[in-house]
All heavy atoms as atom14 arrays in JSON, in Angstrom:
{
  "sequence": "GPVAVPDLPALYTGALLFVFPSRCEGFGLPPLEAMACGVPVVCSQA",
  "atom14_mask": [
    [1, 1, 1, 1, 0, 0, 0, 0, 0, 0, 0, 0, 0, 0],
    [1, 1, 1, 1, 1, 1, 1, 0, 0, 0, 0, 0, 0, 0],
    [1, 1, 1, 1, 1, 1, 1, 0, 0, 0, 0, 0, 0, 0],
    [1, 1, 1, 1, 1, 0, 0, 0, 0, 0, 0, 0, 0, 0],
    [1, 1, 1, 1, 1, 1, 1, 0, 0, 0, 0, 0, 0, 0],
    [1, 1, 1, 1, 1, 1, 1, 0, 0, 0, 0, 0, 0, 0],
    [1, 1, 1, 1, 1, 1, 1, 1, 0, 0, 0, 0, 0, 0],
    [1, 1, 1, 1, 1, 1, 1, 1, 0, 0, 0, 0, 0, 0],
    [1, 1, 1, 1, 1, 1, 1, 0, 0, 0, 0, 0, 0, 0],
    [1, 1, 1, 1, 1, 0, 0, 0, 0, 0, 0, 0, 0, 0],
    [1, 1, 1, 1, 1, 1, 1, 1, 0, 0, 0, 0, 0, 0],
    [1, 1, 1, 1, 1, 1, 1, 1, 1, 1, 1, 1, 0, 0],
    [1, 1, 1, 1, 1, 1, 1, 0, 0, 0, 0, 0, 0, 0],
    [1, 1, 1, 1, 0, 0, 0, 0, 0, 0, 0, 0, 0, 0],
    [1, 1, 1, 1, 1, 0, 0, 0, 0, 0, 0, 0, 0, 0],
    [1, 1, 1, 1, 1, 1, 1, 1, 0, 0, 0, 0, 0, 0],
    [1, 1, 1, 1, 1, 1, 1, 1, 0, 0, 0, 0, 0, 0],
    [1, 1, 1, 1, 1, 1, 1, 1, 1, 1, 1, 0, 0, 0],
    [1, 1, 1, 1, 1, 1, 1, 0, 0, 0, 0, 0, 0, 0],
    [1, 1, 1, 1, 1, 1, 1, 1, 1, 1, 1, 0, 0, 0],
    [1, 1, 1, 1, 1, 1, 1, 0, 0, 0, 0, 0, 0, 0],
    [1, 1, 1, 1, 1, 1, 0, 0, 0, 0, 0, 0, 0, 0],
    [1, 1, 1, 1, 1, 1, 1, 1, 1, 1, 1, 0, 0, 0],
    [1, 1, 1, 1, 1, 1, 0, 0, 0, 0, 0, 0, 0, 0],
    [1, 1, 1, 1, 1, 1, 1, 1, 1, 0, 0, 0, 0, 0],
    [1, 1, 1, 1, 0, 0, 0, 0, 0, 0, 0, 0, 0, 0],
    [1, 1, 1, 1, 1, 1, 1, 1, 1, 1, 1, 0, 0, 0],
    [1, 1, 1, 1, 0, 0, 0, 0, 0, 0, 0, 0, 0, 0],
    [1, 1, 1, 1, 1, 1, 1, 1, 0, 0, 0, 0, 0, 0],
    [1, 1, 1, 1, 1, 1, 1, 0, 0, 0, 0, 0, 0, 0],
    [1, 1, 1, 1, 1, 1, 1, 0, 0, 0, 0, 0, 0, 0],
    [1, 1, 1, 1, 1, 1, 1, 1, 0, 0, 0, 0, 0, 0],
    [1, 1, 1, 1, 1, 1, 1, 1, 1, 0, 0, 0, 0, 0],
    [1, 1, 1, 1, 1, 0, 0, 0, 0, 0, 0, 0, 0, 0],
    [1, 1, 1, 1, 1, 1, 1, 1, 0, 0, 0, 0, 0, 0],
    [1, 1, 1, 1, 1, 0, 0, 0, 0, 0, 0, 0, 0, 0],
    [1, 1, 1, 1, 1, 1, 0, 0, 0, 0, 0, 0, 0, 0],
    [1, 1, 1, 1, 0, 0, 0, 0, 0, 0, 0, 0, 0, 0],
    [1, 1, 1, 1, 1, 1, 1, 0, 0, 0, 0, 0, 0, 0],
    [1, 1, 1, 1, 1, 1, 1, 0, 0, 0, 0, 0, 0, 0],
    [1, 1, 1, 1, 1, 1, 1, 0, 0, 0, 0, 0, 0, 0],
    [1, 1, 1, 1, 1, 1, 1, 0, 0, 0, 0, 0, 0, 0],
    [1, 1, 1, 1, 1, 1, 0, 0, 0, 0, 0, 0, 0, 0],
    [1, 1, 1, 1, 1, 1, 0, 0, 0, 0, 0, 0, 0, 0],
    [1, 1, 1, 1, 1, 1, 1, 1, 1, 0, 0, 0, 0, 0],
    [1, 1, 1, 1, 1, 0, 0, 0, 0, 0, 0, 0, 0, 0]
  ],
  "atom14_positions": [
    [[113.84, 130.95, 85.86], [113.71, 131.72, 87.09], [113.4, 130.85, 88.3], [113.49, 129.62, 88.25], [0.0, 0.0, 0.0], [0.0, 0.0, 0.0], [0.0, 0.0, 0.0], [0.0, 0.0, 0.0], [0.0, 0.0, 0.0], [0.0, 0.0, 0.0], [0.0, 0.0, 0.0], [0.0, 0.0, 0.0], [0.0, 0.0, 0.0], [0.0, 0.0, 0.0]],
    [[113.01, 131.47, 89.41], [112.7, 130.71, 90.63], [111.53, 129.76, 90.42], [110.58, 130.08, 89.69], [112.35, 131.8, 91.65], [112.94, 133.06, 91.11], [112.89, 132.93, 89.61], [0.0, 0.0, 0.0], [0.0, 0.0, 0.0], [0.0, 0.0, 0.0], [0.0, 0.0, 0.0], [0.0, 0.0, 0.0], [0.0, 0.0, 0.0], [0.0, 0.0, 0.0]],
    [[111.62, 128.61, 91.05], [110.56, 127.6, 90.97], [109.98, 127.41, 92.37], [110.73, 127.32, 93.35], [111.11, 126.27, 90.43], [110.06, 125.17, 90.49], [111.61, 126.45, 88.99], [0.0, 0.0, 0.0], [0.0, 0.0, 0.0], [0.0, 0.0, 0.0], [0.0, 0.0, 0.0], [0.0, 0.0, 0.0], [0.0, 0.0, 0.0], [0.0, 0.0, 0.0]],
    [[108.67, 127.36, 92.47], [108.02, 127.18, 93.76], [108.49, 125.89, 94.42], [108.69, 124.86, 93.75], [106.5, 127.14, 93.58], [0.0, 0.0, 0.0], [0.0, 0.0, 0.0], [0.0, 0.0, 0.0], [0.0, 0.0, 0.0], [0.0, 0.0, 0.0], [0.0, 0.0, 0.0], [0.0, 0.0, 0.0], [0.0, 0.0, 0.0], [0.0, 0.0, 0.0]],
    [[108.68, 125.94, 95.74], [109.21, 124.78, 96.46], [108.41, 123.51, 96.21], [108.99, 122.44, 95.99], [109.29, 125.1, 97.98], [109.66, 123.86, 98.78], [110.31, 126.21, 98.23], [0.0, 0.0, 0.0], [0.0, 0.0, 0.0], [0.0, 0.0, 0.0], [0.0, 0.0, 0.0], [0.0, 0.0, 0.0], [0.0, 0.0, 0.0], [0.0, 0.0, 0.0]],
    [[107.06, 123.55, 96.18], [106.32, 122.3, 95.92], [106.6, 121.69, 94.55], [106.4, 120.49, 94.36], [104.86, 122.74, 96.05], [104.89, 123.95, 96.92], [106.15, 124.66, 96.55], [0.0, 0.0, 0.0], [0.0, 0.0, 0.0], [0.0, 0.0, 0.0], [0.0, 0.0, 0.0], [0.0, 0.0, 0.0], [0.0, 0.0, 0.0], [0.0, 0.0, 0.0]],
    [[107.07, 122.5, 93.59], [107.34, 121.98, 92.25], [108.75, 121.4, 92.11], [109.03, 120.69, 91.14], [107.18, 123.09, 91.21], [105.73, 123.44, 90.94], [104.87, 122.55, 91.14], [105.45, 124.58, 90.55], [0.0, 0.0, 0.0], [0.0, 0.0, 0.0], [0.0, 0.0, 0.0], [0.0, 0.0, 0.0], [0.0, 0.0, 0.0], [0.0, 0.0, 0.0]],
    [[109.64, 121.7, 93.04], [111.03, 121.3, 92.87], [111.24, 119.79, 92.81], [111.99, 119.31, 91.96], [111.89, 121.91, 93.99], [112.36, 123.34, 93.77], [113.06, 123.87, 95.01], [113.3, 123.42, 92.56], [0.0, 0.0, 0.0], [0.0, 0.0, 0.0], [0.0, 0.0, 0.0], [0.0, 0.0, 0.0], [0.0, 0.0, 0.0], [0.0, 0.0, 0.0]],
    [[110.63, 118.99, 93.71], [110.88, 117.54, 93.62], [110.51, 116.94, 92.26], [111.24, 116.11, 91.71], [110.01, 116.96, 94.74], [109.91, 118.08, 95.73], [109.83, 119.32, 94.91], [0.0, 0.0, 0.0], [0.0, 0.0, 0.0], [0.0, 0.0, 0.0], [0.0, 0.0, 0.0], [0.0, 0.0, 0.0], [0.0, 0.0, 0.0], [0.0, 0.0, 0.0]],
    [[109.39, 117.38, 91.69], [109.0, 116.86, 90.37], [109.92, 117.39, 89.29], [110.22, 116.68, 88.31], [107.55, 117.24, 90.07], [0.0, 0.0, 0.0], [0.0, 0.0, 0.0], [0.0, 0.0, 0.0], [0.0, 0.0, 0.0], [0.0, 0.0, 0.0], [0.0, 0.0, 0.0], [0.0, 0.0, 0.0], [0.0, 0.0, 0.0], [0.0, 0.0, 0.0]],
    [[110.38, 118.64, 89.43], [111.33, 119.19, 88.45], [112.62, 118.38, 88.46], [113.16, 118.04, 87.39], [111.63, 120.65, 88.79], [112.63, 121.37, 87.88], [112.06, 121.54, 86.48], [113.01, 122.73, 88.47], [0.0, 0.0, 0.0], [0.0, 0.0, 0.0], [0.0, 0.0, 0.0], [0.0, 0.0, 0.0], [0.0, 0.0, 0.0], [0.0, 0.0, 0.0]],
    [[113.13, 118.06, 89.65], [114.31, 117.21, 89.74], [114.03, 115.82, 89.14], [114.81, 115.31, 88.33], [114.71, 117.02, 91.21], [115.5, 118.13, 91.84], [115.04, 118.76, 93.01], [116.73, 118.53, 91.35], [115.77, 119.76, 93.63], [117.47, 119.53, 91.96], [116.99, 120.14, 93.1], [117.72, 121.13, 93.72], [0.0, 0.0, 0.0], [0.0, 0.0, 0.0]],
    [[112.93, 115.21, 89.56], [112.62, 113.83, 89.14], [112.56, 113.71, 87.63], [112.99, 112.7, 87.05], [111.29, 113.37, 89.76], [111.38, 113.47, 91.2], [110.97, 111.94, 89.38], [0.0, 0.0, 0.0], [0.0, 0.0, 0.0], [0.0, 0.0, 0.0], [0.0, 0.0, 0.0], [0.0, 0.0, 0.0], [0.0, 0.0, 0.0], [0.0, 0.0, 0.0]],
    [[112.04, 114.74, 86.96], [111.87, 114.67, 85.51], [113.15, 114.88, 84.71], [113.15, 114.66, 83.49], [0.0, 0.0, 0.0], [0.0, 0.0, 0.0], [0.0, 0.0, 0.0], [0.0, 0.0, 0.0], [0.0, 0.0, 0.0], [0.0, 0.0, 0.0], [0.0, 0.0, 0.0], [0.0, 0.0, 0.0], [0.0, 0.0, 0.0], [0.0, 0.0, 0.0]],
    [[114.24, 115.29, 85.35], [115.48, 115.59, 84.61], [116.22, 114.32, 84.22], [116.2, 113.33, 84.96], [116.39, 116.47, 85.46], [0.0, 0.0, 0.0], [0.0, 0.0, 0.0], [0.0, 0.0, 0.0], [0.0, 0.0, 0.0], [0.0, 0.0, 0.0], [0.0, 0.0, 0.0], [0.0, 0.0, 0.0], [0.0, 0.0, 0.0], [0.0, 0.0, 0.0]],
    [[116.87, 114.38, 83.06], [117.76, 113.28, 82.66], [118.96, 113.22, 83.59], [119.41, 112.13, 83.96], [118.23, 113.47, 81.22], [117.2, 113.29, 80.13], [117.81, 113.63, 78.77], [116.7, 111.84, 80.12], [0.0, 0.0, 0.0], [0.0, 0.0, 0.0], [0.0, 0.0, 0.0], [0.0, 0.0, 0.0], [0.0, 0.0, 0.0], [0.0, 0.0, 0.0]],
    [[119.49, 114.38, 83.93], [120.56, 114.48, 84.9], [120.59, 115.89, 85.45], [120.01, 116.81, 84.88], [121.92, 114.08, 84.31], [122.51, 114.91, 83.16], [123.33, 116.08, 83.67], [123.4, 114.02, 82.29], [0.0, 0.0, 0.0], [0.0, 0.0, 0.0], [0.0, 0.0, 0.0], [0.0, 0.0, 0.0], [0.0, 0.0, 0.0], [0.0, 0.0, 0.0]],
    [[121.28, 116.03, 86.57], [121.44, 117.32, 87.23], [122.91, 117.7, 87.19], [123.79, 116.85, 87.45], [120.96, 117.23, 88.68], [121.12, 118.52, 89.44], [120.21, 119.55, 89.3], [122.2, 118.71, 90.29], [120.36, 120.74, 89.99], [122.36, 119.9, 90.99], [121.43, 120.91, 90.84], [0.0, 0.0, 0.0], [0.0, 0.0, 0.0], [0.0, 0.0, 0.0]],
    [[123.2, 118.97, 86.88], [124.59, 119.41, 86.8], [124.78, 120.63, 87.7], [123.93, 121.52, 87.76], [124.98, 119.72, 85.33], [124.1, 120.79, 84.73], [126.46, 120.11, 85.24], [0.0, 0.0, 0.0], [0.0, 0.0, 0.0], [0.0, 0.0, 0.0], [0.0, 0.0, 0.0], [0.0, 0.0, 0.0], [0.0, 0.0, 0.0], [0.0, 0.0, 0.0]],
    [[125.91, 120.63, 88.4], [126.17, 121.69, 89.39], [127.64, 122.08, 89.28], [128.52, 121.38, 89.79], [125.85, 121.15, 90.79], [125.59, 122.24, 91.8], [124.47, 123.06, 91.71], [126.45, 122.42, 92.88], [124.22, 124.04, 92.66], [126.2, 123.4, 93.82], [125.08, 124.21, 93.72], [0.0, 0.0, 0.0], [0.0, 0.0, 0.0], [0.0, 0.0, 0.0]],
    [[127.95, 123.23, 88.64], [129.34, 123.57, 88.32], [130.01, 124.52, 89.31], [131.06, 125.09, 89.0], [129.19, 124.25, 86.96], [127.9, 125.01, 87.1], [127.0, 124.13, 87.94], [0.0, 0.0, 0.0], [0.0, 0.0, 0.0], [0.0, 0.0, 0.0], [0.0, 0.0, 0.0], [0.0, 0.0, 0.0], [0.0, 0.0, 0.0], [0.0, 0.0, 0.0]],
    [[129.46, 124.7, 90.5], [129.91, 125.75, 91.41], [131.39, 125.61, 91.77], [131.9, 124.5, 91.94], [129.06, 125.73, 92.68], [129.43, 126.77, 93.55], [0.0, 0.0, 0.0], [0.0, 0.0, 0.0], [0.0, 0.0, 0.0], [0.0, 0.0, 0.0], [0.0, 0.0, 0.0], [0.0, 0.0, 0.0], [0.0, 0.0, 0.0], [0.0, 0.0, 0.0]],
    [[132.05, 126.77, 91.94], [133.45, 126.77, 92.36], [133.58, 126.76, 93.88], [134.66, 126.45, 94.4], [134.17, 128.01, 91.81], [134.35, 128.0, 90.3], [135.3, 129.12, 89.87], [135.59, 129.03, 88.45], [134.97, 129.75, 87.52], [134.03, 130.61, 87.88], [135.28, 129.63, 86.26], [0.0, 0.0, 0.0], [0.0, 0.0, 0.0], [0.0, 0.0, 0.0]],
    [[132.53, 127.11, 94.59], [132.62, 127.17, 96.05], [131.23, 127.06, 96.65], [130.31, 127.75, 96.21], [133.28, 128.48, 96.48], [133.6, 128.6, 98.26], [0.0, 0.0, 0.0], [0.0, 0.0, 0.0], [0.0, 0.0, 0.0], [0.0, 0.0, 0.0], [0.0, 0.0, 0.0], [0.0, 0.0, 0.0], [0.0, 0.0, 0.0], [0.0, 0.0, 0.0]],
    [[131.07, 126.18, 97.63], [129.81, 126.02, 98.34], [130.1, 125.72, 99.8], [131.01, 124.95, 100.12], [128.99, 124.86, 97.77], [128.47, 125.08, 96.37], [127.35, 126.11, 96.3], [126.62, 126.25, 97.29], [127.23, 126.77, 95.26], [0.0, 0.0, 0.0], [0.0, 0.0, 0.0], [0.0, 0.0, 0.0], [0.0, 0.0, 0.0], [0.0, 0.0, 0.0]],
    [[129.31, 126.33, 100.69], [129.4, 125.94, 102.09], [129.0, 124.49, 102.27], [129.59, 123.74, 103.05], [0.0, 0.0, 0.0], [0.0, 0.0, 0.0], [0.0, 0.0, 0.0], [0.0, 0.0, 0.0], [0.0, 0.0, 0.0], [0.0, 0.0, 0.0], [0.0, 0.0, 0.0], [0.0, 0.0, 0.0], [0.0, 0.0, 0.0], [0.0, 0.0, 0.0]],
    [[127.99, 124.07, 101.53], [127.56, 122.67, 101.51], [127.12, 122.3, 100.09], [127.74, 121.48, 99.46], [126.43, 122.43, 102.51], [126.04, 120.99, 102.63], [126.77, 120.13, 103.43], [124.94, 120.48, 101.95], [126.43, 118.79, 103.53], [124.57, 119.15, 102.05], [125.32, 118.3, 102.85], [0.0, 0.0, 0.0], [0.0, 0.0, 0.0], [0.0, 0.0, 0.0]],
    [[126.06, 122.91, 99.61], [125.56, 122.6, 98.27], [124.42, 121.61, 98.32], [124.58, 120.43, 97.98], [0.0, 0.0, 0.0], [0.0, 0.0, 0.0], [0.0, 0.0, 0.0], [0.0, 0.0, 0.0], [0.0, 0.0, 0.0], [0.0, 0.0, 0.0], [0.0, 0.0, 0.0], [0.0, 0.0, 0.0], [0.0, 0.0, 0.0], [0.0, 0.0, 0.0]],
    [[123.23, 122.07, 98.74], [122.09, 121.17, 98.86], [121.53, 120.67, 97.52], [121.07, 119.54, 97.45], [120.97, 121.83, 99.66], [121.04, 121.66, 101.17], [119.96, 122.5, 101.84], [120.87, 120.19, 101.56], [0.0, 0.0, 0.0], [0.0, 0.0, 0.0], [0.0, 0.0, 0.0], [0.0, 0.0, 0.0], [0.0, 0.0, 0.0], [0.0, 0.0, 0.0]],
    [[121.52, 121.48, 96.44], [120.86, 120.98, 95.22], [121.36, 119.62, 94.72], [120.52, 118.78, 94.33], [121.12, 122.1, 94.21], [121.14, 123.34, 95.05], [121.85, 122.91, 96.31], [0.0, 0.0, 0.0], [0.0, 0.0, 0.0], [0.0, 0.0, 0.0], [0.0, 0.0, 0.0], [0.0, 0.0, 0.0], [0.0, 0.0, 0.0], [0.0, 0.0, 0.0]],
    [[122.65, 119.32, 94.7], [123.04, 117.96, 94.27], [122.46, 116.87, 95.16], [122.06, 115.81, 94.68], [124.58, 117.98, 94.35], [124.95, 119.41, 94.24], [123.85, 120.16, 94.92], [0.0, 0.0, 0.0], [0.0, 0.0, 0.0], [0.0, 0.0, 0.0], [0.0, 0.0, 0.0], [0.0, 0.0, 0.0], [0.0, 0.0, 0.0], [0.0, 0.0, 0.0]],
    [[122.4, 117.15, 96.48], [121.84, 116.16, 97.39], [120.34, 116.01, 97.16], [119.8, 114.89, 97.19], [122.12, 116.59, 98.83], [121.89, 115.55, 99.92], [122.79, 114.36, 99.72], [122.11, 116.17, 101.29], [0.0, 0.0, 0.0], [0.0, 0.0, 0.0], [0.0, 0.0, 0.0], [0.0, 0.0, 0.0], [0.0, 0.0, 0.0], [0.0, 0.0, 0.0]],
    [[119.65, 117.12, 96.92], [118.22, 117.06, 96.62], [117.96, 116.28, 95.35], [117.02, 115.49, 95.28], [117.67, 118.48, 96.51], [117.68, 119.26, 97.82], [117.42, 120.75, 97.65], [117.38, 121.22, 96.49], [117.24, 121.44, 98.67], [0.0, 0.0, 0.0], [0.0, 0.0, 0.0], [0.0, 0.0, 0.0], [0.0, 0.0, 0.0], [0.0, 0.0, 0.0]],
    [[118.8, 116.5, 94.33], [118.64, 115.77, 93.07], [118.83, 114.27, 93.29], [118.04, 113.45, 92.79], [119.64, 116.3, 92.04], [0.0, 0.0, 0.0], [0.0, 0.0, 0.0], [0.0, 0.0, 0.0], [0.0, 0.0, 0.0], [0.0, 0.0, 0.0], [0.0, 0.0, 0.0], [0.0, 0.0, 0.0], [0.0, 0.0, 0.0], [0.0, 0.0, 0.0]],
    [[119.87, 113.91, 94.04], [120.09, 112.48, 94.31], [118.93, 111.88, 95.1], [118.54, 110.73, 94.86], [121.41, 112.29, 95.05], [122.63, 112.56, 94.18], [124.2, 112.0, 94.91], [124.35, 113.13, 96.29], [0.0, 0.0, 0.0], [0.0, 0.0, 0.0], [0.0, 0.0, 0.0], [0.0, 0.0, 0.0], [0.0, 0.0, 0.0], [0.0, 0.0, 0.0]],
    [[118.37, 112.67, 96.05], [117.24, 112.17, 96.82], [116.03, 111.91, 95.93], [115.18, 111.08, 96.25], [116.88, 113.16, 97.92], [0.0, 0.0, 0.0], [0.0, 0.0, 0.0], [0.0, 0.0, 0.0], [0.0, 0.0, 0.0], [0.0, 0.0, 0.0], [0.0, 0.0, 0.0], [0.0, 0.0, 0.0], [0.0, 0.0, 0.0], [0.0, 0.0, 0.0]],
    [[115.97, 112.63, 94.79], [114.89, 112.43, 93.82], [115.24, 111.39, 92.77], [114.49, 111.2, 91.8], [114.53, 113.75, 93.15], [113.78, 114.95, 94.28], [0.0, 0.0, 0.0], [0.0, 0.0, 0.0], [0.0, 0.0, 0.0], [0.0, 0.0, 0.0], [0.0, 0.0, 0.0], [0.0, 0.0, 0.0], [0.0, 0.0, 0.0], [0.0, 0.0, 0.0]],
    [[116.38, 110.72, 92.92], [116.75, 109.63, 92.03], [117.39, 110.06, 90.73], [117.36, 109.31, 89.75], [0.0, 0.0, 0.0], [0.0, 0.0, 0.0], [0.0, 0.0, 0.0], [0.0, 0.0, 0.0], [0.0, 0.0, 0.0], [0.0, 0.0, 0.0], [0.0, 0.0, 0.0], [0.0, 0.0, 0.0], [0.0, 0.0, 0.0], [0.0, 0.0, 0.0]],
    [[117.98, 111.26, 90.69], [118.52, 111.81, 89.44], [120.05, 111.71, 89.44], [120.69, 112.05, 90.44], [118.1, 113.29, 89.28], [118.62, 113.87, 87.98], [116.59, 113.4, 89.34], [0.0, 0.0, 0.0], [0.0, 0.0, 0.0], [0.0, 0.0, 0.0], [0.0, 0.0, 0.0], [0.0, 0.0, 0.0], [0.0, 0.0, 0.0], [0.0, 0.0, 0.0]],
    [[120.66, 111.25, 88.34], [122.12, 111.25, 88.25], [122.68, 112.67, 88.37], [122.07, 113.63, 87.88], [122.4, 110.67, 86.86], [121.14, 109.96, 86.47], [120.02, 110.7, 87.13], [0.0, 0.0, 0.0], [0.0, 0.0, 0.0], [0.0, 0.0, 0.0], [0.0, 0.0, 0.0], [0.0, 0.0, 0.0], [0.0, 0.0, 0.0], [0.0, 0.0, 0.0]],
    [[123.84, 112.79, 89.0], [124.42, 114.1, 89.28], [125.83, 114.21, 88.7], [126.66, 113.31, 88.89], [124.46, 114.37, 90.8], [125.33, 115.59, 91.13], [123.05, 114.57, 91.33], [0.0, 0.0, 0.0], [0.0, 0.0, 0.0], [0.0, 0.0, 0.0], [0.0, 0.0, 0.0], [0.0, 0.0, 0.0], [0.0, 0.0, 0.0], [0.0, 0.0, 0.0]],
    [[126.07, 115.32, 87.98], [127.39, 115.71, 87.52], [127.75, 116.97, 88.31], [127.01, 117.96, 88.26], [127.42, 115.99, 86.01], [128.8, 116.45, 85.57], [127.0, 114.74, 85.23], [0.0, 0.0, 0.0], [0.0, 0.0, 0.0], [0.0, 0.0, 0.0], [0.0, 0.0, 0.0], [0.0, 0.0, 0.0], [0.0, 0.0, 0.0], [0.0, 0.0, 0.0]],
    [[128.85, 116.93, 89.04], [129.11, 117.95, 90.04], [130.57, 118.35, 90.04], [131.45, 117.52, 89.78], [128.72, 117.36, 91.4], [128.88, 118.48, 92.79], [0.0, 0.0, 0.0], [0.0, 0.0, 0.0], [0.0, 0.0, 0.0], [0.0, 0.0, 0.0], [0.0, 0.0, 0.0], [0.0, 0.0, 0.0], [0.0, 0.0, 0.0], [0.0, 0.0, 0.0]],
    [[130.84, 119.61, 90.34], [132.23, 120.06, 90.35], [132.97, 119.5, 91.57], [132.39, 119.26, 92.62], [132.29, 121.59, 90.37], [131.87, 122.11, 91.6], [0.0, 0.0, 0.0], [0.0, 0.0, 0.0], [0.0, 0.0, 0.0], [0.0, 0.0, 0.0], [0.0, 0.0, 0.0], [0.0, 0.0, 0.0], [0.0, 0.0, 0.0], [0.0, 0.0, 0.0]],
    [[134.24, 119.31, 91.37], [135.1, 118.77, 92.42], [135.76, 119.95, 93.14], [136.95, 120.2, 93.01], [136.15, 117.85, 91.82], [136.9, 117.02, 92.82], [137.72, 115.94, 92.15], [137.85, 115.9, 90.94], [138.26, 115.03, 92.94], [0.0, 0.0, 0.0], [0.0, 0.0, 0.0], [0.0, 0.0, 0.0], [0.0, 0.0, 0.0], [0.0, 0.0, 0.0]],
    [[134.94, 120.68, 93.9], [135.43, 121.91, 94.52], [134.83, 122.07, 95.91], [133.69, 121.67, 96.16], [135.06, 123.13, 93.67], [0.0, 0.0, 0.0], [0.0, 0.0, 0.0], [0.0, 0.0, 0.0], [0.0, 0.0, 0.0], [0.0, 0.0, 0.0], [0.0, 0.0, 0.0], [0.0, 0.0, 0.0], [0.0, 0.0, 0.0], [0.0, 0.0, 0.0]]
  ]
}
């Protein structure tokens, strides 16, 4: 479910990788947030 904003950076940092399969995004901040936290990103080409 939803995670409190103060917990998100640590949640990202602790992941082995971040995956984002969206078919459409105006921008898509979560992959950028994950990269800012030093996490490898697997992302859709869309």
